[in-house]
Protein backbone atom coordinates (compact mmCIF):
# COMPACT_ATOMS: atom_id res chain seq x y z
CA MET A 1 0.27 49.48 -5.00
CA THR A 2 1.63 45.89 -4.79
CA HIS A 3 4.36 44.60 -6.95
CA PRO A 4 3.35 41.85 -9.43
CA LEU A 5 6.28 39.62 -8.30
CA ARG A 6 5.09 39.86 -4.74
CA ASN A 7 1.60 38.72 -5.79
CA PHE A 8 3.07 35.91 -7.73
CA LEU A 9 5.26 34.73 -4.86
CA SER A 10 2.33 34.93 -2.49
CA ALA A 11 0.19 32.84 -4.80
CA LEU A 12 3.02 30.34 -5.23
CA ALA A 13 3.44 30.04 -1.48
CA VAL A 14 -0.27 29.39 -1.05
CA ALA A 15 -0.28 26.81 -3.81
CA SER A 16 2.78 25.04 -2.39
CA ALA A 17 1.16 24.89 1.07
CA ALA A 18 -2.02 23.47 -0.44
CA LEU A 19 -0.10 20.80 -2.32
CA ALA A 20 1.87 19.89 0.73
CA LEU A 21 -1.37 19.35 2.73
CA MET A 22 -2.96 17.27 -0.08
CA ALA A 23 -0.08 14.93 -0.78
CA PRO A 24 -0.37 12.78 2.38
CA ALA A 25 -4.13 12.51 1.94
CA ALA A 26 -3.77 11.33 -1.69
CA HIS A 27 -1.04 8.83 -0.63
CA ALA A 28 -3.16 7.48 2.20
CA GLN A 29 -5.94 6.76 -0.29
CA ASP A 30 -3.61 4.63 -2.37
CA LYS A 31 -2.91 2.25 0.59
CA LYS A 32 -5.44 -0.55 1.00
CA THR A 33 -6.11 -2.46 4.15
CA PRO A 34 -5.54 -6.19 4.08
CA GLN A 35 -9.31 -6.66 4.12
CA GLN A 36 -9.73 -4.34 1.08
CA GLU A 37 -7.02 -6.19 -0.77
CA LYS A 38 -8.61 -9.53 0.04
CA MET A 39 -12.04 -8.20 -1.08
CA ALA A 40 -10.54 -6.97 -4.36
CA SER A 41 -8.79 -10.32 -4.94
CA CYS A 42 -11.91 -12.37 -4.23
CA ASN A 43 -14.04 -10.00 -6.39
CA LYS A 44 -11.54 -10.39 -9.28
CA GLU A 45 -11.53 -14.17 -8.93
CA ALA A 46 -15.35 -14.28 -8.91
CA GLY A 47 -15.38 -12.14 -12.02
CA ASP A 48 -12.79 -14.33 -13.74
CA LYS A 49 -15.02 -17.34 -13.00
CA THR A 50 -18.08 -15.35 -14.25
CA LEU A 51 -20.09 -16.24 -11.19
CA LYS A 52 -23.47 -14.59 -10.70
CA GLY A 53 -26.29 -14.47 -8.12
CA ASP A 54 -26.29 -16.93 -5.25
CA GLU A 55 -23.26 -18.76 -6.63
CA ARG A 56 -21.19 -15.55 -6.48
CA LYS A 57 -22.48 -14.71 -3.01
CA ALA A 58 -21.51 -18.20 -1.75
CA PHE A 59 -18.08 -17.91 -3.44
CA MET A 60 -17.42 -14.40 -2.01
CA SER A 61 -18.44 -15.55 1.48
CA ASN A 62 -16.10 -18.54 1.46
CA CYS A 63 -13.28 -16.54 -0.19
CA LEU A 64 -13.43 -13.80 2.42
CA LYS A 65 -13.58 -16.24 5.30
CA ALA A 66 -10.54 -18.24 4.07
CA LYS A 67 -7.39 -17.84 6.11
CA PRO A 68 -4.23 -16.87 4.27
CA GLU A 69 -1.41 -19.31 3.87
CA PRO A 70 0.99 -18.94 6.77
CA VAL A 71 4.15 -17.05 5.89
CA THR A 72 7.25 -19.09 6.53
CA GLN A 73 10.48 -17.57 7.84
CA GLN A 74 12.08 -18.40 4.48
CA ASP A 75 9.37 -16.51 2.63
CA ARG A 76 9.79 -13.55 4.94
CA MET A 77 13.55 -13.57 4.46
CA LYS A 78 13.12 -13.57 0.66
CA SER A 79 10.59 -10.75 0.82
CA CYS A 80 12.64 -8.60 3.19
CA ASN A 81 15.79 -9.23 1.23
CA LYS A 82 14.13 -8.18 -2.05
CA GLU A 83 12.70 -5.07 -0.40
CA ALA A 84 16.06 -4.12 1.04
CA GLY A 85 17.70 -4.63 -2.44
CA ASP A 86 14.98 -2.49 -4.06
CA LYS A 87 15.75 0.26 -1.59
CA THR A 88 19.46 -0.21 -2.25
CA LEU A 89 20.19 -0.40 1.50
CA LYS A 90 23.69 -1.19 2.63
CA GLY A 91 25.68 -1.76 5.86
CA ASP A 92 24.08 -0.86 9.16
CA GLU A 93 21.05 0.61 7.45
CA ARG A 94 20.33 -2.74 5.72
CA LYS A 95 20.88 -4.73 8.97
CA ALA A 96 18.47 -2.45 10.83
CA PHE A 97 15.88 -2.72 8.01
CA MET A 98 16.24 -6.52 7.78
CA SER A 99 15.97 -6.93 11.57
CA LYS A 100 12.72 -4.82 11.67
CA CYS A 101 11.31 -6.50 8.55
CA LEU A 102 11.97 -10.09 9.79
CA SER A 103 10.39 -9.28 13.22
CA ASN A 104 7.11 -8.20 11.59
CA LYS A 105 4.72 -11.16 11.80
CA GLY A 106 2.26 -9.74 9.22
């Protein structure tokens, strides 16, 4: 006969393992590709303008083809600095983060 605590611990271990496997998948679904973000942004803008039919199709086509504004080094510095501050990085850790962040061209 098995002990009730042993059954509980076994069930707890199985549940923990299942949650651990599900967490990365759920997190991955939260991240959108740049194309998905652009689509959502264009779609929202078309909705805000209450465009319909061919007018909406034309707007969406032009919006999705539009090139984003180039990011300047100053903009990148502000963004990286804010992100480092949000992460409360200090010293060598902050220097390493800033170097990597500023080298990213995207």
